[in-house]
Amino acid sequence: MRFARWGVTIFCVGVLWCGVALAQGTGAADEAVVGVVRGKVVNAVTGVPVGRALVVEGGNQAAIFTDDRGEFALKISDSKAVVVNAPIGVKGRRRLEVRKPGFLGLSRSIPYAWGGGEDAEDVTIALVPEALIVGRVEVPGSDGEVQIECELYQKEFHYGQETWAPATTFRTWANGEFRFSGLKAGTYKLITHEQMDRDSMRPVPGAPMFGYPPIYYPNTTDFSAASAIVVRAGETAQVNLTVARREYFPVQIGVRNAPAGRPMNLQVAPMGTHSPGWSLGYNPMDGTIMGMLPDGNYTVEATALGGQDQSTGILNFTVRGRPLEGPALTLVPDASVTVNVHEEFSGQSDAGALNAITTSARGPAMHIQVSLMSVKEVSRGGGGFARPVEGADGHTLAIANVVPGQYRVRVMTRRGYVASMESDGVDLLRQPLVVGLGGAPAPIEIVLRDDGGEVDVSFEQATEARGSSGKNGESSQNGLAYLLPMEQSADPTNIQGHGTQNGSVAIEQVAPGDYLVVVFDTPPESLLMGGDMEALQKKGKVIHVEAGQKVSVQVKMNSEGGE
């Protein structure tokens, strides 16, 4: 009880000290009040006012809670501000943060009026309620002593390429329950990680060992076959899993020509899948991959990291009712992919090309950037960027240390457009580049032209558009315009958002073809894959672009990224 009283006393003193400090800061700030922000915080889904939301000025110099109607009036102060003869109504901007348990935090630049009089602008701030994924992992035969590590993977889009990226983890409570909170609206997959049964790990020579292999909701053994969990803002998804106890056996795999002292990146999964959640370790002292696995067919991929001579090895192996020793895995040097750039320009210089992306070489390397993006279902990084080849004329680039796999080739150029891109007859604008183990693919041949079309996009902002909280109905005329290729086989990784200003944007050097023009107020994560083109066509317009042609199109802005 004595410790409890001391805890309460310390807490109260801390609160009083913070209150005094805040009051002192407020008193000092009152001497240099330059304006006020008046506004209201509402639930972005229901529109209901949010009371007791904390509104904080950037830098934590001032803060206030909203009242029961969600309203607030926060004084903006600055000890360095010059307020003498400051004209009423002249506006500035300050970054405010809004926080409330059960909602996603928000940081936003808000306008304010000098003097804080009637000219102060009322703003409406919409807080998005958090989404939840809750449930239970059943462990048959366990009395609560087994806690399972759960992990969420979230569907993401990088330049239109769909991947599943790790989001967050949660170790189940003693009763097997889990609770993922603070989630954004989105699409998720739930997995469990391997967990050894501690009772079977007692030091009894020759005794069998047991564990719980990964499971993917709803109780499948292949990540690609797992069901997606879709949650909207403010929703709670209830999901349950059941893990099975299986016998595990020691695995020991030697690594031939392993570089001494170099770390090793290991990826292990059931053969024919890219399912995460499995693990093996590496002992650099004797160059051995080791761990424990249940019966099954597996693939392990090992990459020796560091240095210029990165190498990778891939091995398929089988565990069948007893410990496994061997066969050995052999590392081979990773591929170096050559990129040849061919310019078919009109001869007129492009001033934009002077803003070099890569300044270590002359020629095309100054205005083109080439990179590889893995097409694996589970996000595990890209394949690297092209660098100028030393001693070359700038028309030859190379991407070093490319591990085996399939990749989309992404090209960004400040001059012209990519007219064609091939490797050994494969159209890389529509097909992935395949890099095998121990062998480099044929060089990538890129042709650049500067006779592309021009698309002038103008738009009207939707009345529900987020951020349209200006006075007298004024709204921000900024957004992102996208040209989505109508051809289903076209590579989505080169889709780019073009920032608009004052309700329009001119997009130059557009490759000939058919495009869907859409404008969003925020990046539309789930709409750039081009899979549901019929739904997207309702949000924009289809145009045809010829070489050298100028096309003007007017569309409406889609609010909330079209979500």
Protein backbone atom coordinates (compact mmCIF):
# COMPACT_ATOMS: atom_id res chain seq x y z
CA MET A 1 0.00 0.00 0.00
CA ARG A 2 2.91 2.36 0.78
CA PHE A 3 4.29 1.91 -2.74
CA ALA A 4 0.83 2.45 -4.21
CA ARG A 5 0.44 5.74 -2.30
CA TRP A 6 3.88 6.88 -3.46
CA GLY A 7 2.92 6.01 -7.05
CA VAL A 8 -0.26 8.07 -6.83
CA THR A 9 1.62 10.95 -5.20
CA ILE A 10 4.33 10.97 -7.91
CA PHE A 11 1.69 10.81 -10.64
CA CYS A 12 -0.25 13.75 -9.16
CA VAL A 13 2.90 15.83 -8.70
CA GLY A 14 3.83 15.09 -12.32
CA VAL A 15 0.42 16.18 -13.54
CA LEU A 16 0.55 19.36 -11.46
CA TRP A 17 4.06 20.14 -12.74
CA CYS A 18 2.97 19.65 -16.35
CA GLY A 19 -0.05 21.85 -15.70
CA VAL A 20 2.11 24.58 -14.21
CA ALA A 21 4.56 24.34 -17.10
CA LEU A 22 1.74 24.52 -19.65
CA ALA A 23 0.16 27.44 -17.84
CA GLN A 24 3.48 29.24 -17.77
CA GLY A 25 3.99 28.55 -21.47
CA THR A 26 0.49 29.79 -22.20
CA GLY A 27 1.03 32.93 -20.17
CA ALA A 28 4.22 33.71 -22.07
CA ALA A 29 2.55 32.93 -25.34
CA ASP A 30 -0.34 35.30 -24.57
CA GLU A 31 2.14 38.15 -24.80
CA ALA A 32 2.76 37.31 -28.45
CA VAL A 33 -0.55 35.94 -29.70
CA VAL A 34 -0.58 36.29 -33.46
CA GLY A 35 -3.80 34.55 -34.32
CA VAL A 36 -6.30 31.84 -33.58
CA VAL A 37 -7.52 28.67 -35.24
CA ARG A 38 -11.19 27.97 -34.75
CA GLY A 39 -12.52 24.65 -35.83
CA LYS A 40 -14.41 21.47 -35.24
CA VAL A 41 -13.28 17.85 -35.07
CA VAL A 42 -15.68 15.25 -36.45
CA ASN A 43 -15.74 11.52 -37.07
CA ALA A 44 -14.71 11.05 -40.72
CA VAL A 45 -17.15 8.15 -41.13
CA THR A 46 -20.25 9.30 -39.27
CA GLY A 47 -19.75 13.06 -39.19
CA VAL A 48 -20.50 13.08 -35.44
CA PRO A 49 -18.53 15.66 -33.41
CA VAL A 50 -15.59 14.25 -31.49
CA GLY A 51 -15.29 15.62 -27.94
CA ARG A 52 -12.14 15.55 -25.81
CA ALA A 53 -9.89 15.32 -28.87
CA LEU A 54 -6.49 16.87 -28.19
CA VAL A 55 -5.48 19.59 -30.66
CA VAL A 56 -1.75 20.38 -30.44
CA GLU A 57 0.23 23.09 -32.21
CA GLY A 58 3.38 21.81 -33.91
CA GLY A 59 6.25 21.83 -31.44
CA ASN A 60 3.87 21.28 -28.50
CA GLN A 61 3.79 25.01 -27.75
CA ALA A 62 0.03 25.11 -27.25
CA ALA A 63 -2.75 22.55 -26.90
CA ILE A 64 -6.47 22.40 -26.20
CA PHE A 65 -9.22 19.79 -25.92
CA THR A 66 -12.35 19.99 -28.04
CA ASP A 67 -15.61 20.55 -26.17
CA ASP A 68 -18.63 18.24 -26.23
CA ARG A 69 -19.58 19.69 -29.63
CA GLY A 70 -16.15 18.93 -31.05
CA GLU A 71 -15.27 22.62 -31.26
CA PHE A 72 -12.03 24.37 -30.30
CA ALA A 73 -10.33 27.77 -30.51
CA LEU A 74 -6.55 27.46 -30.28
CA LYS A 75 -4.43 30.57 -29.87
CA ILE A 76 -1.41 30.67 -32.18
CA SER A 77 1.62 32.34 -30.65
CA ASP A 78 5.21 32.98 -31.59
CA SER A 79 7.76 34.70 -29.38
CA LYS A 80 9.57 35.91 -32.48
CA ALA A 81 6.46 37.10 -34.28
CA VAL A 82 6.04 40.79 -35.06
CA VAL A 83 2.45 41.64 -34.18
CA VAL A 84 2.64 45.44 -34.12
CA ASN A 85 0.27 46.86 -36.76
CA ALA A 86 -0.39 43.35 -38.08
CA PRO A 87 -3.33 43.63 -40.48
CA ILE A 88 -6.43 41.74 -39.42
CA GLY A 89 -7.31 38.91 -41.82
CA VAL A 90 -3.79 38.28 -43.16
CA LYS A 91 -3.43 34.52 -42.99
CA GLY A 92 -0.60 32.20 -42.08
CA ARG A 93 -0.39 28.45 -41.64
CA ARG A 94 0.55 26.30 -38.68
CA ARG A 95 0.80 22.52 -38.42
CA LEU A 96 -1.63 21.03 -35.92
CA GLU A 97 -1.80 17.49 -34.62
CA VAL A 98 -5.08 15.96 -33.50
CA ARG A 99 -5.18 12.90 -31.25
CA LYS A 100 -7.96 10.83 -29.74
CA PRO A 101 -7.95 7.23 -28.47
CA GLY A 102 -9.80 5.01 -30.95
CA PHE A 103 -8.88 7.25 -33.89
CA LEU A 104 -5.88 7.49 -36.20
CA GLY A 105 -3.71 10.50 -35.42
CA LEU A 106 -3.75 13.37 -37.89
CA SER A 107 -1.20 16.06 -38.72
CA ARG A 108 -2.35 18.90 -40.94
CA SER A 109 -1.31 22.38 -41.98
CA ILE A 110 -4.12 24.75 -40.94
CA PRO A 111 -4.64 28.40 -41.95
CA TYR A 112 -5.17 31.02 -39.25
CA ALA A 113 -6.08 34.71 -39.15
CA TRP A 114 -3.94 37.45 -37.59
CA GLY A 115 -5.49 38.90 -34.50
CA GLY A 116 -7.95 36.06 -34.00
CA GLY A 117 -11.03 38.15 -34.59
CA GLU A 118 -14.11 37.41 -36.63
CA ASP A 119 -11.92 36.82 -39.67
CA ALA A 120 -10.58 33.64 -38.10
CA GLU A 121 -11.34 30.78 -40.45
CA ASP A 122 -13.42 27.87 -39.21
CA VAL A 123 -11.91 24.55 -40.22
CA THR A 124 -13.40 21.10 -40.04
CA ILE A 125 -10.97 18.32 -39.22
CA ALA A 126 -12.12 14.77 -39.89
CA LEU A 127 -10.55 12.10 -37.68
CA VAL A 128 -10.57 8.58 -39.11
CA PRO A 129 -11.62 5.91 -36.58
CA GLU A 130 -9.20 3.02 -36.22
CA ALA A 131 -9.92 -0.41 -37.62
CA LEU A 132 -9.45 -3.52 -35.47
CA ILE A 133 -8.64 -7.16 -36.18
CA VAL A 134 -9.24 -9.34 -33.14
CA GLY A 135 -9.54 -13.05 -32.51
CA ARG A 136 -8.07 -16.12 -30.91
CA VAL A 137 -5.46 -18.74 -31.74
CA GLU A 138 -6.59 -22.15 -30.58
CA VAL A 139 -3.78 -24.44 -29.37
CA PRO A 140 -5.27 -27.92 -28.86
CA GLY A 141 -3.96 -29.63 -25.74
CA SER A 142 -2.53 -26.42 -24.30
CA ASP A 143 -3.62 -24.91 -21.00
CA GLY A 144 -2.52 -21.39 -21.92
CA GLU A 145 1.24 -21.80 -21.57
CA VAL A 146 1.77 -21.49 -25.35
CA GLN A 147 1.73 -17.95 -26.71
CA ILE A 148 1.84 -17.65 -30.49
CA GLU A 149 3.41 -14.79 -32.44
CA CYS A 150 0.86 -13.44 -34.94
CA GLU A 151 1.67 -11.10 -37.80
CA LEU A 152 -0.42 -9.01 -40.16
CA TYR A 153 0.58 -8.44 -43.76
CA GLN A 154 -1.03 -5.50 -45.55
CA LYS A 155 -1.69 -5.24 -49.26
CA GLU A 156 0.33 -2.40 -50.73
CA PHE A 157 0.92 -0.95 -54.16
CA HIS A 158 4.29 0.37 -55.27
CA TYR A 159 3.96 2.13 -58.62
CA GLY A 160 0.99 -0.12 -59.30
CA GLN A 161 2.75 -3.36 -58.33
CA GLU A 162 0.75 -5.35 -55.77
CA THR A 163 2.70 -6.75 -52.81
CA TRP A 164 2.04 -7.93 -49.27
CA ALA A 165 4.24 -6.13 -46.76
CA PRO A 166 4.66 -6.83 -43.01
CA ALA A 167 2.46 -4.46 -41.00
CA THR A 168 2.59 -5.35 -37.28
CA THR A 169 2.92 -8.28 -34.88
CA PHE A 170 1.14 -9.37 -31.70
CA ARG A 171 1.96 -12.19 -29.26
CA THR A 172 -1.23 -13.82 -28.01
CA TRP A 173 -2.25 -13.41 -24.40
CA ALA A 174 -2.38 -16.43 -22.09
CA ASN A 175 -5.96 -17.17 -23.17
CA GLY A 176 -4.89 -17.24 -26.85
CA GLU A 177 -6.54 -13.96 -27.80
CA PHE A 178 -4.95 -11.23 -29.91
CA ARG A 179 -5.90 -7.65 -30.75
CA PHE A 180 -4.47 -5.59 -33.59
CA SER A 181 -5.49 -1.96 -33.06
CA GLY A 182 -4.73 1.37 -34.70
CA LEU A 183 -5.11 -0.09 -38.19
CA LYS A 184 -5.87 1.90 -41.30
CA ALA A 185 -8.68 0.78 -43.54
CA GLY A 186 -7.24 -1.78 -45.92
CA THR A 187 -6.74 -5.41 -46.88
CA TYR A 188 -4.73 -7.71 -44.64
CA LYS A 189 -3.60 -11.32 -44.28
CA LEU A 190 -3.02 -12.95 -40.89
CA ILE A 191 -0.29 -15.50 -40.22
CA THR A 192 1.31 -17.21 -37.23
CA HIS A 193 5.04 -17.76 -36.78
CA GLU A 194 6.73 -20.99 -35.83
CA GLN A 195 6.66 -21.66 -32.11
CA MET A 196 8.49 -24.50 -30.39
CA ASP A 197 6.74 -26.40 -27.62
CA ARG A 198 8.82 -25.64 -24.52
CA ASP A 199 7.77 -28.84 -22.76
CA SER A 200 9.46 -30.89 -25.50
CA MET A 201 12.69 -28.86 -25.23
CA ARG A 202 13.64 -30.30 -21.83
CA PRO A 203 17.20 -31.69 -21.79
CA VAL A 204 16.31 -35.35 -22.21
CA PRO A 205 18.72 -37.06 -24.65
CA GLY A 206 16.97 -38.57 -27.63
CA ALA A 207 13.54 -37.23 -26.69
CA PRO A 208 11.42 -36.00 -29.62
CA MET A 209 10.83 -32.26 -30.02
CA PHE A 210 7.57 -30.62 -31.06
CA GLY A 211 6.46 -27.26 -32.36
CA TYR A 212 3.68 -25.38 -34.10
CA PRO A 213 4.27 -24.63 -37.82
CA PRO A 214 2.95 -21.40 -39.39
CA ILE A 215 -0.73 -21.16 -40.28
CA TYR A 216 -2.35 -18.65 -42.65
CA TYR A 217 -5.92 -17.53 -42.04
CA PRO A 218 -8.24 -19.39 -42.36
CA ASN A 219 -6.05 -22.38 -41.40
CA THR A 220 -4.26 -22.92 -44.70
CA THR A 221 -0.60 -23.86 -45.15
CA ASP A 222 0.05 -21.63 -48.20
CA PHE A 223 0.20 -17.85 -47.92
CA SER A 224 -1.08 -17.36 -51.48
CA ALA A 225 -4.21 -19.38 -50.58
CA ALA A 226 -4.90 -17.36 -47.43
CA SER A 227 -8.10 -15.32 -47.28
CA ALA A 228 -7.85 -11.55 -47.30
CA ILE A 229 -9.30 -9.66 -44.34
CA VAL A 230 -10.88 -6.39 -45.47
CA VAL A 231 -11.61 -3.76 -42.84
CA ARG A 232 -13.02 -0.28 -43.26
CA ALA A 233 -12.47 2.68 -40.98
CA GLY A 234 -14.11 2.03 -37.61
CA GLU A 235 -14.81 -1.64 -38.34
CA THR A 236 -13.74 -4.66 -36.28
CA ALA A 237 -12.98 -7.99 -37.94
CA GLN A 238 -13.22 -11.16 -35.84
CA VAL A 239 -10.97 -14.01 -37.04
CA ASN A 240 -9.76 -17.23 -35.42
CA LEU A 241 -6.94 -19.66 -36.13
CA THR A 242 -5.99 -23.14 -34.94
CA VAL A 243 -2.38 -24.31 -34.86
CA ALA A 244 -1.36 -27.98 -34.90
CA ARG A 245 1.43 -29.52 -32.83
CA ARG A 246 3.91 -31.46 -34.95
CA GLU A 247 7.21 -33.21 -34.37
CA TYR A 248 10.30 -31.24 -35.44
CA PHE A 249 13.65 -32.62 -36.58
CA PRO A 250 17.13 -31.05 -36.60
CA VAL A 251 18.28 -29.67 -39.97
CA GLN A 252 21.93 -28.99 -40.82
CA ILE A 253 22.98 -27.83 -44.30
CA GLY A 254 26.55 -26.93 -45.18
CA VAL A 255 27.34 -23.94 -47.39
CA ARG A 256 30.13 -24.37 -49.92
CA ASN A 257 32.43 -21.39 -50.55
CA ALA A 258 30.75 -19.30 -47.84
CA PRO A 259 32.60 -15.98 -47.42
CA ALA A 260 34.21 -15.79 -43.99
CA GLY A 261 32.61 -13.34 -41.59
CA ARG A 262 29.86 -12.26 -44.00
CA PRO A 263 26.21 -12.18 -42.84
CA MET A 264 23.77 -14.47 -44.61
CA ASN A 265 20.18 -13.61 -45.54
CA LEU A 266 18.03 -16.76 -45.39
CA GLN A 267 14.56 -17.35 -46.78
CA VAL A 268 12.94 -20.73 -46.19
CA ALA A 269 9.46 -21.88 -47.16
CA PRO A 270 7.61 -25.00 -48.24
CA MET A 271 8.71 -25.91 -51.76
CA GLY A 272 6.76 -24.11 -54.48
CA THR A 273 5.56 -21.28 -52.21
CA HIS A 274 6.80 -17.95 -50.86
CA SER A 275 5.00 -18.39 -47.56
CA PRO A 276 6.55 -16.34 -44.71
CA GLY A 277 6.76 -17.40 -41.07
CA TRP A 278 9.37 -20.17 -41.40
CA SER A 279 12.94 -19.77 -40.19
CA LEU A 280 16.40 -21.31 -40.19
CA GLY A 281 19.60 -19.85 -38.75
CA TYR A 282 23.16 -19.49 -40.01
CA ASN A 283 26.34 -20.26 -38.07
CA PRO A 284 29.15 -18.18 -39.66
CA MET A 285 31.79 -20.00 -37.59
CA ASP A 286 31.47 -23.21 -39.58
CA GLY A 287 29.39 -21.99 -42.54
CA THR A 288 26.33 -24.06 -41.67
CA ILE A 289 22.60 -23.45 -42.04
CA MET A 290 20.83 -25.04 -39.10
CA GLY A 291 17.53 -25.20 -37.30
CA MET A 292 14.50 -27.46 -36.94
CA LEU A 293 11.62 -28.26 -39.29
CA PRO A 294 8.73 -30.75 -39.41
CA ASP A 295 8.27 -33.30 -42.20
CA GLY A 296 7.90 -31.69 -45.62
CA ASN A 297 9.53 -30.46 -48.81
CA TYR A 298 11.32 -27.13 -48.52
CA THR A 299 13.35 -24.54 -50.42
CA VAL A 300 16.04 -22.44 -48.80
CA GLU A 301 17.58 -19.39 -50.50
CA ALA A 302 20.78 -18.04 -48.99
CA THR A 303 22.43 -14.77 -49.99
CA ALA A 304 25.85 -13.72 -48.68
CA LEU A 305 25.53 -9.99 -48.12
CA GLY A 306 28.13 -7.23 -48.21
CA GLY A 307 30.90 -6.40 -50.62
CA GLN A 308 30.84 -6.14 -54.38
CA ASP A 309 30.77 -9.90 -54.96
CA GLN A 310 27.37 -10.80 -53.52
CA SER A 311 26.41 -14.44 -54.08
CA THR A 312 23.29 -16.62 -53.73
CA GLY A 313 22.48 -20.28 -53.48
CA ILE A 314 19.16 -22.15 -53.69
CA LEU A 315 18.54 -25.66 -52.42
CA ASN A 316 15.50 -27.93 -52.34
CA PHE A 317 15.46 -30.52 -49.57
CA THR A 318 13.14 -32.93 -47.80
CA VAL A 319 12.64 -33.73 -44.11
CA ARG A 320 11.25 -37.22 -43.53
CA GLY A 321 10.94 -38.47 -39.97
CA ARG A 322 14.57 -38.02 -38.93
CA PRO A 323 17.34 -35.41 -38.66
CA LEU A 324 18.68 -34.01 -41.93
CA GLU A 325 22.37 -33.40 -42.60
CA GLY A 326 23.11 -32.13 -46.10
CA PRO A 327 23.21 -31.92 -49.01
CA ALA A 328 25.42 -28.82 -49.18
CA LEU A 329 24.29 -25.53 -50.73
CA THR A 330 26.60 -23.87 -53.24
CA LEU A 331 26.82 -20.09 -53.58
CA VAL A 332 27.25 -18.59 -57.02
CA PRO A 333 27.85 -14.90 -57.90
CA ASP A 334 24.72 -12.83 -58.36
CA ALA A 335 24.00 -11.52 -61.82
CA SER A 336 24.97 -8.15 -63.22
CA VAL A 337 22.29 -6.90 -65.60
CA THR A 338 23.47 -4.70 -68.47
CA VAL A 339 21.27 -1.86 -69.75
CA ASN A 340 21.92 -0.31 -73.17
CA VAL A 341 20.21 3.04 -73.83
CA HIS A 342 19.48 4.07 -77.43
CA GLU A 343 18.40 7.67 -78.06
CA GLU A 344 16.25 8.49 -81.04
CA PHE A 345 15.81 12.17 -80.27
CA SER A 346 14.95 14.97 -82.66
CA GLY A 347 18.24 16.70 -81.88
CA GLN A 348 16.79 19.52 -79.79
CA SER A 349 18.20 19.71 -76.29
CA ASP A 350 15.94 19.31 -73.29
CA ALA A 351 16.69 21.72 -70.44
CA GLY A 352 15.05 19.35 -67.99
CA ALA A 353 17.76 16.80 -68.68
CA LEU A 354 20.29 19.12 -67.05
CA ASN A 355 18.77 18.27 -63.67
CA ALA A 356 20.82 15.10 -63.47
CA ILE A 357 19.44 12.00 -61.80
CA THR A 358 22.91 10.45 -61.95
CA THR A 359 25.76 12.90 -62.30
CA SER A 360 28.67 10.48 -62.44
CA ALA A 361 28.51 10.01 -66.22
CA ARG A 362 27.68 11.90 -69.37
CA GLY A 363 24.99 11.08 -71.86
CA PRO A 364 21.76 9.18 -71.10
CA ALA A 365 22.86 8.36 -67.55
CA MET A 366 22.18 12.02 -66.73
CA HIS A 367 18.48 11.84 -67.48
CA ILE A 368 17.40 8.22 -67.04
CA GLN A 369 17.00 6.02 -63.99
CA VAL A 370 16.47 2.27 -64.32
CA SER A 371 15.56 -0.01 -61.42
CA LEU A 372 14.22 -3.51 -60.85
CA MET A 373 11.16 -4.35 -58.71
CA SER A 374 10.58 -7.92 -57.58
CA VAL A 375 7.24 -9.43 -58.55
CA LYS A 376 7.20 -11.77 -55.56
CA GLU A 377 3.91 -11.84 -53.73
CA VAL A 378 5.53 -11.06 -50.38
CA SER A 379 7.52 -7.82 -50.34
CA ARG A 380 11.22 -8.45 -49.79
CA GLY A 381 12.82 -5.42 -51.40
CA GLY A 382 13.73 -4.52 -54.94
CA GLY A 383 16.51 -5.58 -57.26
CA GLY A 384 18.70 -2.48 -57.30
CA PHE A 385 19.38 0.56 -59.50
CA ALA A 386 21.39 0.88 -62.66
CA ARG A 387 24.73 2.68 -62.45
CA PRO A 388 26.92 3.99 -65.27
CA VAL A 389 29.59 1.55 -66.43
CA GLU A 390 33.01 3.01 -65.84
CA GLY A 391 34.79 3.81 -69.08
CA ALA A 392 31.62 3.56 -71.17
CA ASP A 393 30.16 6.45 -73.17
CA GLY A 394 27.14 6.87 -70.89
CA HIS A 395 24.90 4.72 -73.07
CA THR A 396 25.66 1.58 -71.04
CA LEU A 397 24.48 1.05 -67.47
CA ALA A 398 24.64 -1.95 -65.14
CA ILE A 399 22.58 -3.25 -62.21
CA ALA A 400 24.86 -5.21 -59.88
CA ASN A 401 24.09 -8.06 -57.46
CA VAL A 402 20.67 -9.07 -58.78
CA VAL A 403 19.46 -12.17 -56.94
CA PRO A 404 17.51 -14.82 -58.91
CA GLY A 405 13.86 -14.00 -59.50
CA GLN A 406 11.41 -12.14 -61.72
CA TYR A 407 11.42 -8.36 -61.93
CA ARG A 408 9.53 -5.50 -63.47
CA VAL A 409 11.88 -2.97 -65.05
CA ARG A 410 10.99 0.54 -63.95
CA VAL A 411 12.30 3.47 -65.99
CA MET A 412 12.15 7.15 -65.11
CA THR A 413 13.43 9.62 -67.68
CA ARG A 414 13.61 13.39 -67.67
CA ARG A 415 13.77 13.52 -71.43
CA GLY A 416 11.43 11.82 -73.86
CA TYR A 417 9.67 8.53 -73.16
CA VAL A 418 10.40 4.82 -73.39
CA ALA A 419 9.39 3.74 -76.88
CA SER A 420 10.51 0.12 -76.41
CA MET A 421 12.33 -2.06 -73.89
CA GLU A 422 13.39 -5.62 -74.66
CA SER A 423 15.72 -8.39 -73.52
CA ASP A 424 16.35 -11.32 -75.86
CA GLY A 425 13.08 -10.62 -77.67
CA VAL A 426 10.97 -10.33 -74.48
CA ASP A 427 8.90 -7.11 -74.34
CA LEU A 428 9.76 -5.80 -70.88
CA LEU A 429 7.06 -3.12 -71.11
CA ARG A 430 4.59 -5.98 -70.73
CA GLN A 431 6.52 -8.93 -69.31
CA PRO A 432 8.86 -9.35 -66.32
CA LEU A 433 12.60 -9.86 -66.61
CA VAL A 434 13.69 -13.35 -65.52
CA VAL A 435 17.06 -13.62 -63.75
CA GLY A 436 18.32 -17.16 -63.21
CA LEU A 437 20.80 -18.55 -60.70
CA GLY A 438 24.38 -18.06 -61.80
CA GLY A 439 23.66 -16.49 -65.16
CA ALA A 440 22.99 -12.95 -66.35
CA PRO A 441 20.07 -12.32 -68.72
CA ALA A 442 20.57 -10.79 -72.14
CA PRO A 443 21.15 -6.99 -71.97
CA ILE A 444 18.11 -4.76 -71.61
CA GLU A 445 17.76 -2.61 -74.73
CA ILE A 446 15.89 0.65 -74.06
CA VAL A 447 14.89 3.02 -76.87
CA LEU A 448 14.07 6.63 -75.91
CA ARG A 449 12.16 8.99 -78.20
CA ASP A 450 11.05 12.61 -77.76
CA ASP A 451 8.08 12.77 -80.14
CA GLY A 452 5.54 11.85 -77.45
CA GLY A 453 2.13 13.43 -77.12
CA GLU A 454 0.97 16.02 -74.59
CA VAL A 455 -2.08 15.64 -72.37
CA ASP A 456 -3.55 18.75 -70.75
CA VAL A 457 -5.72 17.72 -67.81
CA SER A 458 -8.15 20.11 -66.13
CA PHE A 459 -10.61 19.13 -63.46
CA GLU A 460 -13.42 20.18 -61.22
CA GLN A 461 -13.10 19.30 -57.55
CA ALA A 462 -15.81 17.09 -56.10
CA THR A 463 -18.02 18.83 -53.58
CA GLU A 464 -17.23 16.13 -51.00
CA ALA A 465 -13.50 16.40 -51.56
CA ARG A 466 -11.43 16.22 -48.44
CA GLY A 467 -9.73 19.49 -47.57
CA SER A 468 -12.53 21.66 -49.02
CA SER A 469 -12.99 23.39 -45.71
CA GLY A 470 -12.03 26.85 -46.90
CA LYS A 471 -14.15 29.88 -46.12
CA ASN A 472 -17.01 30.69 -48.47
CA GLY A 473 -16.80 27.23 -49.99
CA GLU A 474 -13.32 27.76 -51.40
CA SER A 475 -11.38 24.56 -51.98
CA SER A 476 -7.82 23.58 -52.72
CA GLN A 477 -7.23 22.90 -56.41
CA ASN A 478 -4.37 20.46 -55.91
CA GLY A 479 -4.38 16.77 -56.64
CA LEU A 480 -2.74 13.95 -58.57
CA ALA A 481 -3.51 13.16 -62.20
CA TYR A 482 -2.87 9.64 -63.50
CA LEU A 483 -2.72 8.21 -67.01
CA LEU A 484 -3.58 4.51 -66.73
CA PRO A 485 -2.80 2.41 -69.83
CA MET A 486 -5.92 0.68 -71.12
CA GLU A 487 -3.89 -2.26 -72.38
CA GLN A 488 -4.26 -4.93 -69.71
CA SER A 489 -0.79 -6.38 -70.32
CA ALA A 490 0.98 -3.04 -69.92
CA ASP A 491 3.45 -2.85 -67.07
CA PRO A 492 1.81 -1.00 -64.14
CA THR A 493 5.09 -0.14 -62.39
CA ASN A 494 5.68 2.95 -64.52
CA ILE A 495 2.41 4.64 -63.54
CA GLN A 496 3.15 8.04 -62.02
CA GLY A 497 1.03 10.68 -60.36
CA HIS A 498 1.41 14.17 -61.82
CA GLY A 499 0.87 16.99 -59.33
CA THR A 500 -1.78 19.50 -60.36
CA GLN A 501 -1.86 23.20 -59.64
CA ASN A 502 -4.76 25.61 -59.95
CA GLY A 503 -6.96 22.85 -61.28
CA SER A 504 -4.82 21.67 -64.20
CA VAL A 505 -1.59 20.00 -65.28
CA ALA A 506 0.18 19.45 -68.59
CA ILE A 507 1.73 15.99 -68.97
CA GLU A 508 4.38 15.90 -71.69
CA GLN A 509 6.13 13.12 -73.60
CA VAL A 510 3.28 10.63 -73.30
CA ALA A 511 3.89 7.42 -75.23
CA PRO A 512 1.33 6.72 -77.98
CA GLY A 513 -1.61 4.61 -76.82
CA ASP A 514 -4.97 4.58 -75.07
CA TYR A 515 -5.21 5.90 -71.50
CA LEU A 516 -7.74 6.39 -68.75
CA VAL A 517 -7.32 9.85 -67.19
CA VAL A 518 -8.25 10.05 -63.50
CA VAL A 519 -7.58 12.69 -60.82
CA PHE A 520 -7.51 12.07 -57.06
CA ASP A 521 -7.02 14.36 -54.09
CA THR A 522 -4.78 11.76 -52.39
CA PRO A 523 -2.78 8.80 -53.79
CA PRO A 524 -5.29 6.05 -54.63
CA GLU A 525 -3.53 2.99 -53.20
CA SER A 526 -5.92 0.29 -54.40
CA LEU A 527 -6.88 1.74 -57.77
CA LEU A 528 -3.62 1.75 -59.69
CA MET A 529 -3.43 -1.93 -60.56
CA GLY A 530 -5.74 -1.47 -63.51
CA GLY A 531 -7.59 -4.65 -62.60
CA ASP A 532 -11.06 -3.12 -62.32
CA MET A 533 -10.94 -0.77 -65.29
CA GLU A 534 -14.72 -0.72 -65.63
CA ALA A 535 -15.09 0.79 -62.16
CA LEU A 536 -12.25 3.21 -62.82
CA GLN A 537 -13.75 4.43 -66.08
CA LYS A 538 -16.67 5.85 -64.10
CA LYS A 539 -14.17 8.09 -62.32
CA GLY A 540 -12.38 9.48 -65.38
CA LYS A 541 -12.24 9.56 -69.19
CA VAL A 542 -10.54 7.45 -71.84
CA ILE A 543 -8.34 9.23 -74.40
CA HIS A 544 -6.17 8.21 -77.35
CA VAL A 545 -2.72 9.77 -77.79
CA GLU A 546 -0.69 9.82 -81.00
CA ALA A 547 2.95 10.80 -81.37
CA GLY A 548 3.28 14.59 -81.35
CA GLN A 549 -0.43 15.08 -80.62
CA LYS A 550 -1.85 17.42 -77.98
CA VAL A 551 -4.97 16.17 -76.20
CA SER A 552 -7.06 18.22 -73.75
CA VAL A 553 -9.37 16.48 -71.30
CA GLN A 554 -11.55 17.66 -68.41
CA VAL A 555 -12.45 15.30 -65.56
CA LYS A 556 -13.73 15.50 -62.00
CA MET A 557 -11.49 15.03 -58.99
CA ASN A 558 -12.20 11.93 -56.93
CA SER A 559 -12.17 12.44 -53.18
CA GLU A 560 -10.46 10.21 -50.62
CA GLY A 561 -8.35 8.56 -53.30
CA GLY A 562 -11.47 6.89 -54.64
CA GLU A 563 -11.59 4.57 -51.62
